[in-house]
Amino acid sequence: MAQKGVQLDQETFSCSICLDLLKDPVTIPCGHNYCMSCIKTFWDGEDQKKIYSCPQCKQAFTPRPVLVKNTMLAALVEQLKKTGLKAAPADHCYAGPEDVACDVCTGRKLKALKSCLQCLASYCEKHLQPHYDVGPLKKHKLVDPSEKLQENICSRHDEVMKMFCRTDQQSICYLCSVDEHKGHDTVSAAAERTERQRELEVSRQQIQQRIQDREKDVKMLQQEVEAVSRSADKAVEDSEKIFTELIRLIQKRSSDVKQQIRSQQETEVSPVKELQEKLKQEITELKRKDAELKQLSHTEDHNQFLLNYPSLSQLSASTDSSSINIRPRRHFEDVTAAVSKLRDQLQDVLTEKRTNISPTGTEVEVLLPQPEPKTRAGFLKYSREITLDPNTADTLLLLSDGDRKAQQTSQHQIYSSHLNRFTDWCQVLSRESLTGRCYWEVEWSRAGVEVAVAYKNISREGRLNECRFGRNDKSWSLDLSNYKLWFNNISTSVPSPRSSRVGVYLDHTAGILSFYSVSETMTLLYRVQTTFTQPVYVGLWFYSNGVNAELCKLK
């Protein structure tokens, strides 16, 4: 009985829920067996539905079956435990779709522990044991489990390939070496492996050396980054201290000048006010004397008149008018002129001076905005490589020349759907957003095109002015045919361009946008002075079939 039990599949006496040997086995109405605690817990989870099912066959039962221990099965399990039957392997021991299965196992196969290159088979732990115990099998080459063992078999002679043909650079069997590979440079696979292993080690050493070199380079670059950062931080800190001191000195000088002006004001005003007071007193005295004389003139008694006249007719000494020094009214204009001159001198110094921040000559203009260039060569220093974004182009626009050229066509182009695409105006925007100082040039074929800059959040869908370049507060557009600059749907006349090429200069920080006609000289068409609130994009708008325009290569 015991011997027969050992030969049974261990899964027969295992619970399919806990995957262990049955404990207090019960048999449910469909005939499947479970541990009593396992099936109780499973059915407890189905109490709300009031329908109870078998975990294996899914048969449903209503009401909940009463569970009674299967004493016969319980006794059999206990007896089999005593006679050596082991618990069923855990589920993770069985081979899955991604695992190499044991070639000897029957039924549900276990995972292979090793593969034998001589037997060309894979074995689980149990079936691998003979390779550890049997003398001839001990000499076999065992490797990690592999699904590619059959690749070691010669498809022509059905023999294990133990040779390598260096002439054809392929593995062969012994029969191949005396057949189609006869006369070739052949060696054993082991000898070729030894040679290749040597080369592999050399390659690894080279790779490891390169890794060390690159890591050393990375470390040096990191040190350079840290050094530059420390230097930059110190320069910023020192600059702030210097500017703070400079501001303090200017404020102190301003206070001193103000105090000197007020002191001089007091010096000059005091005698004037003193003289002014004397004159007021004299006027009062004269008015009083005039009233007395007037009253005397009306006296009818001649004797009384003659008696009082001598005392009333005498006048006090008059203030000398020559002591009043009336100067031209430019008391402190000289001071204002001196301060203005100081301001101009300081501005000239700050405009000319720059701070070098690297040994390569890179410069940062730290003080005042640089003036707009005067020559084309000066503008070209700020030239940018700009391309058009196909995801914004209206379907009537054909892009070419690396997305630098656009042409209005009568046929719709096949573009993928995109939220950034203009749907009702033949317009397109650049891929690149622009800040700082930038310069680019546009060349057009004939009338019917406008050159624009716009914010990214300009509307795209519909024929409203919100989508149209220059007809809203999110874009500026130069009409090259009607000679107008448009912004917020307001146009301003501009001179007629002298050529079919226009240059656009942007100083984003200073809020300057200038359009030039480019020929032998640069002719200013219009300059916008504004405040940009976000990066801008280059735009082109076409309103005549067949017209094309191109963003010129400047470098």
Protein backbone atom coordinates (compact mmCIF):
# COMPACT_ATOMS: atom_id res chain seq x y z
CA MET A 1 0.00 0.00 0.00
CA ALA A 2 2.76 2.38 1.00
CA GLN A 3 4.84 1.57 -2.04
CA LYS A 4 1.86 2.16 -4.28
CA GLY A 5 1.15 5.49 -2.55
CA VAL A 6 4.66 6.73 -3.18
CA GLN A 7 4.18 6.18 -6.88
CA LEU A 8 1.10 8.42 -6.95
CA ASP A 9 1.31 12.03 -8.21
CA GLN A 10 1.88 14.19 -5.12
CA GLU A 11 -0.61 16.74 -6.45
CA THR A 12 -3.41 14.22 -5.84
CA PHE A 13 -3.18 14.84 -2.10
CA SER A 14 -2.53 18.59 -2.27
CA CYS A 15 -5.00 21.43 -1.69
CA SER A 16 -5.25 23.57 -4.82
CA ILE A 17 -5.71 26.66 -2.64
CA CYS A 18 -2.69 26.47 -0.28
CA LEU A 19 -0.71 24.03 -2.53
CA ASP A 20 0.22 21.98 0.54
CA LEU A 21 -0.84 18.49 1.69
CA LEU A 22 -4.49 18.35 2.70
CA LYS A 23 -5.24 19.23 6.34
CA ASP A 24 -8.64 18.16 7.70
CA PRO A 25 -9.69 17.29 4.11
CA VAL A 26 -13.29 17.90 3.06
CA THR A 27 -15.04 16.92 -0.16
CA ILE A 28 -17.50 19.46 -1.60
CA PRO A 29 -20.55 18.46 -3.74
CA CYS A 30 -18.67 18.64 -7.06
CA GLY A 31 -16.14 16.07 -5.78
CA HIS A 32 -13.06 18.26 -5.32
CA ASN A 33 -11.10 18.12 -2.09
CA TYR A 34 -9.74 21.03 0.00
CA CYS A 35 -8.36 21.80 3.45
CA MET A 36 -11.37 22.64 5.61
CA SER A 37 -9.91 26.03 6.66
CA CYS A 38 -8.98 26.92 3.06
CA ILE A 39 -12.44 26.37 1.55
CA LYS A 40 -14.12 28.06 4.55
CA THR A 41 -12.01 31.19 4.05
CA PHE A 42 -12.74 31.10 0.31
CA TRP A 43 -16.50 30.85 0.81
CA ASP A 44 -16.47 33.53 3.51
CA GLY A 45 -15.46 35.92 0.73
CA GLU A 46 -18.59 34.93 -1.24
CA ASP A 47 -21.10 35.44 1.60
CA GLN A 48 -22.42 38.68 0.13
CA LYS A 49 -23.39 36.98 -3.17
CA LYS A 50 -24.97 34.01 -1.33
CA ILE A 51 -23.63 31.81 -4.14
CA TYR A 52 -20.70 29.54 -3.34
CA SER A 53 -18.45 28.05 -6.02
CA CYS A 54 -15.66 25.53 -6.44
CA PRO A 55 -12.26 27.24 -6.93
CA GLN A 56 -11.32 24.64 -9.55
CA CYS A 57 -14.40 23.82 -11.68
CA LYS A 58 -16.39 26.97 -10.73
CA GLN A 59 -19.58 24.94 -10.09
CA ALA A 60 -21.96 27.00 -7.94
CA PHE A 61 -23.89 25.86 -4.85
CA THR A 62 -26.85 27.35 -3.02
CA PRO A 63 -27.22 27.33 -0.08
CA ARG A 64 -23.70 27.10 1.37
CA PRO A 65 -22.77 23.41 1.64
CA VAL A 66 -22.17 21.97 5.10
CA LEU A 67 -18.56 20.84 5.40
CA VAL A 68 -17.77 17.47 6.96
CA LYS A 69 -14.28 16.06 7.35
CA ASN A 70 -13.52 13.23 4.92
CA THR A 71 -12.17 10.74 7.42
CA MET A 72 -11.06 8.20 4.83
CA LEU A 73 -9.06 10.78 2.87
CA ALA A 74 -7.62 12.19 6.11
CA ALA A 75 -6.46 8.74 7.19
CA LEU A 76 -4.95 8.08 3.76
CA VAL A 77 -2.99 11.35 3.87
CA GLU A 78 -1.68 10.55 7.37
CA GLN A 79 -0.69 7.05 6.29
CA LEU A 80 1.08 8.35 3.19
CA LYS A 81 2.98 10.92 5.27
CA LYS A 82 4.38 8.09 7.39
CA THR A 83 5.44 6.08 4.32
CA GLY A 84 7.48 8.90 2.80
CA LEU A 85 5.13 10.89 0.51
CA LYS A 86 6.29 14.50 0.51
CA ALA A 87 4.25 17.62 0.15
CA ALA A 88 3.59 18.77 -3.40
CA PRO A 89 6.20 21.16 -4.74
CA ALA A 90 5.37 24.83 -4.29
CA ASP A 91 3.84 26.43 -7.34
CA HIS A 92 6.99 28.46 -8.00
CA CYS A 93 8.96 25.20 -8.51
CA TYR A 94 7.00 24.32 -11.63
CA ALA A 95 8.22 25.56 -15.01
CA GLY A 96 6.38 28.55 -16.40
CA PRO A 97 6.28 29.94 -19.97
CA GLU A 98 9.57 31.81 -19.41
CA ASP A 99 11.37 28.89 -17.70
CA VAL A 100 13.40 25.93 -18.99
CA ALA A 101 11.49 22.75 -18.12
CA CYS A 102 12.96 19.42 -17.07
CA ASP A 103 13.05 17.06 -20.05
CA VAL A 104 12.51 13.96 -17.85
CA CYS A 105 9.50 15.05 -15.76
CA THR A 106 6.12 13.73 -16.84
CA GLY A 107 2.86 15.52 -16.28
CA ARG A 108 3.43 19.00 -14.95
CA LYS A 109 7.16 19.64 -15.40
CA LEU A 110 9.46 21.17 -12.82
CA LYS A 111 11.99 23.89 -13.53
CA ALA A 112 15.35 22.69 -14.82
CA LEU A 113 18.31 23.22 -12.51
CA LYS A 114 21.02 22.45 -15.09
CA SER A 115 21.44 21.54 -18.76
CA CYS A 116 23.92 18.91 -19.97
CA LEU A 117 25.90 19.70 -23.12
CA GLN A 118 26.63 16.01 -23.70
CA CYS A 119 23.12 14.68 -23.10
CA LEU A 120 21.60 17.80 -24.70
CA ALA A 121 18.86 17.68 -22.07
CA SER A 122 17.79 19.74 -19.09
CA TYR A 123 17.14 18.30 -15.63
CA CYS A 124 15.34 19.29 -12.45
CA GLU A 125 17.03 18.72 -9.10
CA LYS A 126 15.72 15.15 -8.76
CA HIS A 127 16.56 14.01 -12.28
CA LEU A 128 19.94 15.74 -12.22
CA GLN A 129 21.15 13.58 -9.30
CA PRO A 130 22.58 10.77 -11.53
CA HIS A 131 25.04 13.30 -13.03
CA TYR A 132 26.45 13.72 -9.52
CA ASP A 133 26.37 10.03 -8.57
CA VAL A 134 27.14 8.01 -11.76
CA GLY A 135 30.83 7.92 -12.77
CA PRO A 136 30.51 8.37 -16.59
CA LEU A 137 27.86 11.10 -16.14
CA LYS A 138 30.11 13.04 -13.76
CA LYS A 139 32.33 13.91 -16.73
CA HIS A 140 29.48 15.61 -18.60
CA LYS A 141 29.54 19.39 -18.96
CA LEU A 142 26.73 20.97 -16.94
CA VAL A 143 25.65 24.59 -17.61
CA ASP A 144 22.85 26.88 -16.51
CA PRO A 145 19.46 25.86 -17.95
CA SER A 146 19.28 26.66 -21.67
CA GLU A 147 16.57 26.39 -24.30
CA LYS A 148 19.14 26.49 -27.09
CA LEU A 149 20.68 23.03 -26.62
CA GLN A 150 19.47 21.90 -30.03
CA GLU A 151 21.60 24.59 -31.61
CA ASN A 152 24.59 22.42 -30.64
CA ILE A 153 23.38 19.67 -33.00
CA CYS A 154 24.62 19.65 -36.61
CA SER A 155 21.58 19.92 -38.84
CA ARG A 156 23.37 17.93 -41.58
CA HIS A 157 24.77 14.98 -39.62
CA ASP A 158 22.68 15.10 -36.42
CA GLU A 159 25.87 15.09 -34.35
CA VAL A 160 27.02 17.30 -31.51
CA MET A 161 29.15 20.14 -32.89
CA LYS A 162 32.46 19.89 -31.02
CA MET A 163 34.63 21.47 -33.74
CA PHE A 164 35.05 25.02 -35.04
CA CYS A 165 35.97 25.98 -38.61
CA ARG A 166 38.11 29.10 -38.53
CA THR A 167 37.97 29.35 -42.32
CA ASP A 168 34.17 29.72 -42.35
CA GLN A 169 33.89 31.01 -38.76
CA GLN A 170 31.24 28.48 -37.69
CA SER A 171 30.75 25.53 -35.35
CA ILE A 172 30.79 22.08 -37.01
CA CYS A 173 30.67 18.42 -36.05
CA TYR A 174 33.45 15.91 -36.61
CA LEU A 175 31.85 14.59 -39.82
CA CYS A 176 31.72 18.15 -41.23
CA SER A 177 35.50 18.46 -40.70
CA VAL A 178 36.14 15.51 -43.05
CA ASP A 179 33.34 16.39 -45.45
CA GLU A 180 32.44 19.90 -46.72
CA HIS A 181 35.01 21.55 -44.42
CA LYS A 182 37.83 19.22 -45.42
CA GLY A 183 41.11 21.11 -45.77
CA HIS A 184 39.82 24.07 -43.74
CA ASP A 185 41.53 25.38 -40.64
CA THR A 186 39.58 23.49 -38.00
CA VAL A 187 40.14 23.17 -34.26
CA SER A 188 38.18 21.85 -31.34
CA ALA A 189 35.46 24.10 -30.00
CA ALA A 190 37.26 24.09 -26.66
CA ALA A 191 40.52 25.31 -28.25
CA GLU A 192 38.67 28.07 -30.15
CA ARG A 193 36.87 29.06 -26.94
CA THR A 194 40.22 29.31 -25.14
CA GLU A 195 41.56 31.60 -27.88
CA ARG A 196 38.43 33.73 -27.97
CA GLN A 197 38.39 33.83 -24.18
CA ARG A 198 41.89 35.29 -24.28
CA GLU A 199 40.74 37.93 -26.78
CA LEU A 200 37.68 38.58 -24.65
CA GLU A 201 39.83 39.23 -21.60
CA VAL A 202 42.00 41.63 -23.61
CA SER A 203 38.86 43.42 -24.81
CA ARG A 204 37.54 43.61 -21.27
CA GLN A 205 40.81 45.04 -20.06
CA GLN A 206 40.67 47.65 -22.81
CA ILE A 207 37.05 48.47 -21.95
CA GLN A 208 37.83 48.69 -18.25
CA GLN A 209 40.79 50.95 -19.01
CA ARG A 210 38.58 53.18 -21.15
CA ILE A 211 35.98 53.24 -18.36
CA GLN A 212 38.66 54.36 -15.92
CA ASP A 213 39.88 57.00 -18.38
CA ARG A 214 36.37 58.28 -19.01
CA GLU A 215 35.56 58.31 -15.29
CA LYS A 216 38.76 60.28 -14.73
CA ASP A 217 37.72 62.70 -17.49
CA VAL A 218 34.24 63.03 -16.00
CA LYS A 219 35.76 63.75 -12.60
CA MET A 220 38.07 66.39 -14.09
CA LEU A 221 35.15 67.98 -15.93
CA GLN A 222 33.10 67.96 -12.73
CA GLN A 223 35.97 69.68 -10.96
CA GLU A 224 36.06 72.24 -13.76
CA VAL A 225 32.30 72.78 -13.43
CA GLU A 226 32.67 73.25 -9.70
CA ALA A 227 35.62 75.63 -10.18
CA VAL A 228 33.69 77.70 -12.73
CA SER A 229 30.64 77.72 -10.44
CA ARG A 230 32.72 78.83 -7.45
CA SER A 231 34.35 81.55 -9.54
CA ALA A 232 30.98 82.68 -10.88
CA ASP A 233 29.45 82.70 -7.38
CA LYS A 234 32.36 84.76 -6.06
CA ALA A 235 32.13 87.15 -9.01
CA VAL A 236 28.40 87.62 -8.36
CA GLU A 237 29.01 88.16 -4.65
CA ASP A 238 31.87 90.61 -5.25
CA SER A 239 29.89 92.44 -7.96
CA GLU A 240 26.93 92.84 -5.62
CA LYS A 241 29.20 94.23 -2.91
CA ILE A 242 30.86 96.64 -5.35
CA PHE A 243 27.54 97.82 -6.77
CA THR A 244 26.12 98.19 -3.26
CA GLU A 245 29.14 100.33 -2.34
CA LEU A 246 28.80 102.27 -5.59
CA ILE A 247 25.12 102.92 -4.87
CA ARG A 248 25.99 103.98 -1.33
CA LEU A 249 28.63 106.40 -2.62
CA ILE A 250 26.22 107.85 -5.17
CA GLN A 251 23.53 108.22 -2.49
CA LYS A 252 26.04 109.93 -0.17
CA ARG A 253 27.19 112.23 -2.96
CA SER A 254 23.55 113.01 -3.74
CA SER A 255 22.95 113.87 -0.07
CA ASP A 256 26.07 116.09 0.02
CA VAL A 257 25.07 117.94 -3.13
CA LYS A 258 21.56 118.44 -1.79
CA GLN A 259 22.97 119.81 1.48
CA GLN A 260 25.36 122.15 -0.35
CA ILE A 261 22.53 123.43 -2.54
CA ARG A 262 20.32 124.10 0.49
CA SER A 263 23.20 125.84 2.30
CA GLN A 264 23.91 128.03 -0.72
CA GLN A 265 20.19 128.66 -1.02
CA GLU A 266 20.11 129.92 2.59
CA THR A 267 23.21 132.07 2.03
CA GLU A 268 21.69 133.77 -0.99
CA VAL A 269 18.10 134.00 0.23
CA SER A 270 18.84 135.43 3.73
CA PRO A 271 20.07 138.92 2.69
CA VAL A 272 17.38 139.10 0.05
CA LYS A 273 14.69 138.41 2.64
CA GLU A 274 16.28 140.95 5.00
CA LEU A 275 16.21 143.66 2.32
CA GLN A 276 12.71 142.59 1.38
CA GLU A 277 11.58 143.14 4.99
CA LYS A 278 13.14 146.64 5.10
CA LEU A 279 11.35 147.58 1.90
CA LYS A 280 8.04 146.37 3.29
CA GLN A 281 8.54 148.46 6.44
CA GLU A 282 9.42 151.51 4.33
CA ILE A 283 6.30 151.02 2.25
CA THR A 284 4.19 150.87 5.42
CA GLU A 285 5.79 154.09 6.74
CA LEU A 286 5.28 155.85 3.41
CA LYS A 287 1.64 154.84 3.28
CA ARG A 288 1.12 156.18 6.81
CA LYS A 289 2.88 159.45 5.90
CA ASP A 290 0.82 159.73 2.72
CA ALA A 291 -2.42 159.34 4.76
CA GLU A 292 -1.34 162.08 7.19
CA LEU A 293 -0.47 164.44 4.35
CA LYS A 294 -3.76 163.66 2.70
CA GLN A 295 -5.58 164.48 5.89
CA LEU A 296 -3.51 167.70 6.28
CA SER A 297 -4.36 168.71 2.74
CA HIS A 298 -8.00 168.76 3.69
CA THR A 299 -7.47 171.02 6.76
CA GLU A 300 -9.43 174.29 6.27
CA ASP A 301 -7.70 176.20 9.07
CA HIS A 302 -4.70 177.87 7.40
CA ASN A 303 -2.88 178.45 10.63
CA GLN A 304 -3.30 174.84 11.71
CA PHE A 305 -2.09 173.64 8.28
CA LEU A 306 1.02 175.82 8.44
CA LEU A 307 1.68 174.74 12.00
CA ASN A 308 1.63 170.97 11.23
CA TYR A 309 3.13 171.03 7.76
CA PRO A 310 6.84 171.21 8.72
CA SER A 311 6.67 168.07 10.86
CA LEU A 312 4.68 166.08 8.37
CA SER A 313 6.45 167.07 5.20
CA GLN A 314 9.81 165.68 6.27
CA LEU A 315 10.47 162.11 4.92
CA SER A 316 12.79 159.50 6.42
CA ALA A 317 15.81 158.33 4.47
CA SER A 318 14.93 155.96 1.61
CA THR A 319 16.49 152.48 1.24
CA ASP A 320 19.22 152.52 -1.35
CA SER A 321 17.90 150.63 -4.41
CA SER A 322 21.38 150.06 -5.69
CA SER A 323 21.94 147.52 -2.90
CA ILE A 324 19.46 145.18 -4.62
CA ASN A 325 21.58 142.89 -6.88
CA ILE A 326 19.30 141.25 -9.46
CA ARG A 327 21.27 138.43 -11.15
CA PRO A 328 20.14 136.41 -14.16
CA ARG A 329 17.82 133.64 -13.08
CA ARG A 330 20.21 130.71 -13.33
CA HIS A 331 21.25 130.39 -9.70
CA PHE A 332 21.75 126.60 -9.66
CA GLU A 333 21.71 125.67 -13.36
CA ASP A 334 25.46 125.18 -13.15
CA VAL A 335 24.99 122.57 -10.44
CA THR A 336 22.41 120.69 -12.56
CA ALA A 337 24.75 120.84 -15.54
CA ALA A 338 27.61 119.46 -13.44
CA VAL A 339 25.48 116.54 -12.15
CA SER A 340 24.24 115.83 -15.69
CA LYS A 341 27.82 115.79 -16.91
CA LEU A 342 28.75 113.36 -14.14
CA ARG A 343 25.84 111.11 -15.13
CA ASP A 344 26.90 111.13 -18.79
CA GLN A 345 30.50 110.32 -17.88
CA LEU A 346 29.39 107.45 -15.65
CA GLN A 347 27.10 106.10 -18.35
CA ASP A 348 29.93 106.22 -20.89
CA VAL A 349 32.21 104.32 -18.53
CA LEU A 350 29.59 101.68 -17.75
CA THR A 351 28.70 101.25 -21.42
CA GLU A 352 32.29 100.64 -22.45
CA LYS A 353 33.36 98.38 -19.57
CA ARG A 354 32.53 94.67 -19.54
CA THR A 355 33.38 91.87 -17.17
CA ASN A 356 35.33 88.90 -18.57
CA ILE A 357 34.18 85.67 -16.96
CA SER A 358 36.25 83.03 -18.77
CA PRO A 359 39.74 82.70 -20.26
CA THR A 360 38.17 82.01 -23.67
CA GLY A 361 37.04 85.63 -23.96
CA THR A 362 33.34 85.05 -23.33
CA GLU A 363 31.84 88.32 -22.10
CA VAL A 364 28.77 89.25 -20.15
CA GLU A 365 27.33 92.72 -20.62
CA VAL A 366 26.43 93.42 -17.03
CA LEU A 367 25.33 97.02 -17.03
CA LEU A 368 23.58 98.86 -19.84
CA PRO A 369 21.77 97.49 -22.90
CA GLN A 370 23.99 97.40 -25.97
CA PRO A 371 23.06 99.76 -28.80
CA GLU A 372 21.45 98.32 -31.90
CA PRO A 373 24.04 97.38 -34.55
CA LYS A 374 24.62 99.82 -37.40
CA THR A 375 25.88 97.43 -40.09
CA ARG A 376 24.78 94.06 -41.43
CA ALA A 377 28.00 92.53 -40.12
CA GLY A 378 27.04 93.77 -36.68
CA PHE A 379 23.57 92.21 -36.97
CA LEU A 380 25.02 88.90 -38.19
CA LYS A 381 26.77 88.47 -34.84
CA TYR A 382 23.31 87.71 -33.42
CA SER A 383 22.07 85.54 -36.31
CA ARG A 384 20.02 82.45 -35.40
CA GLU A 385 19.36 79.25 -37.33
CA ILE A 386 15.56 79.13 -37.49
CA THR A 387 13.27 76.46 -38.99
CA LEU A 388 9.52 76.29 -39.49
CA ASP A 389 7.39 73.94 -37.39
CA PRO A 390 5.25 71.62 -39.61
CA ASN A 391 2.88 71.09 -36.67
CA THR A 392 1.81 74.76 -36.91
CA ALA A 393 1.58 75.06 -40.73
CA ASP A 394 -1.80 75.52 -42.42
CA THR A 395 -2.52 72.61 -44.74
CA LEU A 396 -2.28 74.92 -47.81
CA LEU A 397 1.40 75.54 -47.01
CA LEU A 398 4.12 73.33 -48.48
CA LEU A 399 7.34 73.27 -46.44
CA SER A 400 10.71 72.42 -48.04
CA ASP A 401 14.49 73.03 -47.82
CA GLY A 402 14.78 71.55 -44.36
CA ASP A 403 11.60 73.34 -43.18
CA ARG A 404 13.11 76.77 -43.91
CA LYS A 405 10.97 77.52 -46.98
CA ALA A 406 7.17 77.73 -47.25
CA GLN A 407 4.89 78.16 -50.28
CA GLN A 408 1.15 78.68 -50.50
CA THR A 409 -0.46 76.06 -52.75
CA SER A 410 -3.92 75.35 -54.08
CA GLN A 411 -3.86 71.76 -52.79
CA HIS A 412 -4.08 70.70 -49.17
CA GLN A 413 -0.98 68.98 -47.84
CA ILE A 414 -1.18 65.79 -45.79
CA TYR A 415 -0.32 66.78 -42.25
CA SER A 416 -1.16 64.94 -39.05
CA SER A 417 -3.76 66.49 -36.78
CA HIS A 418 -2.20 68.80 -34.20
CA LEU A 419 -3.53 71.32 -31.68
CA ASN A 420 -0.86 73.89 -32.69
CA ARG A 421 -1.90 73.99 -36.37
CA PHE A 422 -3.44 77.14 -37.93
CA THR A 423 -6.69 76.05 -39.53
CA ASP A 424 -8.04 79.05 -41.44
CA TRP A 425 -5.10 81.39 -42.14
CA CYS A 426 -2.10 80.36 -44.28
CA GLN A 427 0.31 80.88 -41.40
CA VAL A 428 3.22 79.01 -39.84
CA LEU A 429 5.43 79.53 -36.77
CA SER A 430 9.03 78.57 -36.07
CA ARG A 431 10.14 75.62 -33.96
CA GLU A 432 12.55 77.80 -32.01
CA SER A 433 11.50 80.24 -29.31
CA LEU A 434 13.52 83.46 -29.19
CA THR A 435 14.81 85.52 -26.26
CA GLY A 436 17.84 87.75 -25.77
CA ARG A 437 19.29 89.35 -28.94
CA CYS A 438 18.53 87.58 -32.21
CA TYR A 439 18.68 88.40 -35.92
CA TRP A 440 17.25 86.61 -38.95
CA GLU A 441 16.45 87.37 -42.58
CA VAL A 442 13.51 86.41 -44.78
CA GLU A 443 13.50 86.43 -48.60
CA TRP A 444 10.22 86.34 -50.52
CA SER A 445 9.29 85.80 -54.16
CA ARG A 446 6.55 88.38 -54.75
CA ALA A 447 3.67 90.28 -53.14
CA GLY A 448 1.42 88.42 -50.76
CA VAL A 449 3.44 87.67 -47.63
CA GLU A 450 3.85 89.11 -44.13
CA VAL A 451 6.78 88.57 -41.74
CA ALA A 452 5.76 88.33 -38.09
CA VAL A 453 6.72 87.46 -34.54
CA ALA A 454 4.15 86.04 -32.14
CA TYR A 455 3.70 84.57 -28.69
CA LYS A 456 3.11 80.82 -28.45
CA ASN A 457 -0.36 81.29 -26.96
CA ILE A 458 -1.78 82.99 -30.08
CA SER A 459 -5.06 81.33 -31.09
CA ARG A 460 -4.88 78.79 -33.94
CA GLU A 461 -8.41 77.76 -34.94
CA GLY A 462 -10.85 79.97 -36.88
CA ARG A 463 -10.76 83.09 -39.07
CA LEU A 464 -11.01 85.55 -36.21
CA ASN A 465 -8.41 88.26 -35.65
CA GLU A 466 -7.22 86.37 -32.55
CA CYS A 467 -5.53 83.92 -34.96
CA ARG A 468 -4.27 86.43 -37.53
CA PHE A 469 -0.73 87.85 -37.25
CA GLY A 470 -0.68 91.53 -36.27
CA ARG A 471 -4.42 91.73 -35.66
CA ASN A 472 -4.21 91.02 -31.91
CA ASP A 473 -2.00 91.90 -28.94
CA LYS A 474 -0.03 88.65 -29.20
CA SER A 475 1.78 89.31 -32.50
CA TRP A 476 3.46 91.96 -34.67
CA SER A 477 3.41 91.63 -38.48
CA LEU A 478 5.10 93.53 -41.34
CA ASP A 479 3.07 93.51 -44.58
CA LEU A 480 5.72 93.50 -47.33
CA SER A 481 3.17 94.22 -50.05
CA ASN A 482 1.09 97.05 -48.58
CA TYR A 483 3.99 98.51 -46.56
CA LYS A 484 2.31 98.45 -43.15
CA LEU A 485 3.28 97.33 -39.67
CA TRP A 486 0.36 95.70 -37.84
CA PHE A 487 -0.16 95.28 -34.09
CA ASN A 488 -3.43 94.80 -32.20
CA ASN A 489 -5.29 95.35 -35.50
CA ILE A 490 -3.79 98.84 -35.88
CA SER A 491 -1.58 99.54 -38.90
CA THR A 492 1.27 102.02 -39.34
CA SER A 493 2.70 102.91 -42.75
CA VAL A 494 6.35 101.99 -43.40
CA PRO A 495 8.73 102.81 -46.28
CA SER A 496 8.73 100.54 -49.30
CA PRO A 497 11.44 97.83 -48.98
CA ARG A 498 14.36 98.33 -51.38
CA SER A 499 14.85 94.59 -51.93
CA SER A 500 13.09 91.24 -51.59
CA ARG A 501 14.98 90.47 -48.39
CA VAL A 502 14.03 91.81 -44.97
CA GLY A 503 16.09 91.53 -41.78
CA VAL A 504 14.51 91.31 -38.34
CA TYR A 505 16.39 92.26 -35.15
CA LEU A 506 15.07 91.33 -31.72
CA ASP A 507 16.36 92.55 -28.36
CA HIS A 508 13.90 90.71 -26.15
CA THR A 509 15.20 92.15 -22.87
CA ALA A 510 15.16 95.75 -24.11
CA GLY A 511 11.77 95.25 -25.79
CA ILE A 512 13.05 96.20 -29.28
CA LEU A 513 11.82 94.68 -32.55
CA SER A 514 13.26 96.25 -35.72
CA PHE A 515 12.56 95.50 -39.39
CA TYR A 516 15.18 96.35 -42.04
CA SER A 517 15.27 96.24 -45.81
CA VAL A 518 18.47 94.36 -46.67
CA SER A 519 20.43 95.28 -49.81
CA GLU A 520 23.88 96.82 -50.05
CA THR A 521 22.90 98.82 -46.97
CA MET A 522 20.50 98.27 -44.07
CA THR A 523 17.43 100.51 -44.29
CA LEU A 524 15.24 100.73 -41.21
CA LEU A 525 11.57 100.15 -42.05
CA TYR A 526 10.11 100.23 -38.55
CA ARG A 527 11.19 99.84 -34.93
CA VAL A 528 8.82 98.57 -32.23
CA GLN A 529 9.48 99.55 -28.61
CA THR A 530 7.49 97.42 -26.20
CA THR A 531 7.78 95.01 -23.26
CA PHE A 532 7.82 91.33 -24.18
CA THR A 533 6.10 89.19 -21.54
CA GLN A 534 7.16 85.77 -22.93
CA PRO A 535 9.44 84.23 -25.60
CA VAL A 536 8.45 84.95 -29.21
CA TYR A 537 8.36 82.81 -32.36
CA VAL A 538 9.04 83.75 -35.99
CA GLY A 539 5.92 83.72 -38.17
CA LEU A 540 5.05 83.85 -41.89
CA TRP A 541 1.62 84.62 -43.33
CA PHE A 542 0.71 84.11 -47.00
CA TYR A 543 -2.36 85.50 -48.76
CA SER A 544 -1.61 84.84 -52.45
CA ASN A 545 -1.41 81.47 -54.16
CA GLY A 546 2.08 80.53 -55.36
CA VAL A 547 3.92 82.97 -53.08
CA ASN A 548 6.89 81.56 -51.22
CA ALA A 549 9.23 82.86 -48.54
CA GLU A 550 12.40 81.45 -47.04
CA LEU A 551 14.28 81.84 -43.76
CA CYS A 552 17.78 82.57 -45.07
CA LYS A 553 20.91 80.70 -44.00
CA LEU A 554 23.25 83.30 -42.50
CA LYS A 555 26.13 81.14 -41.26
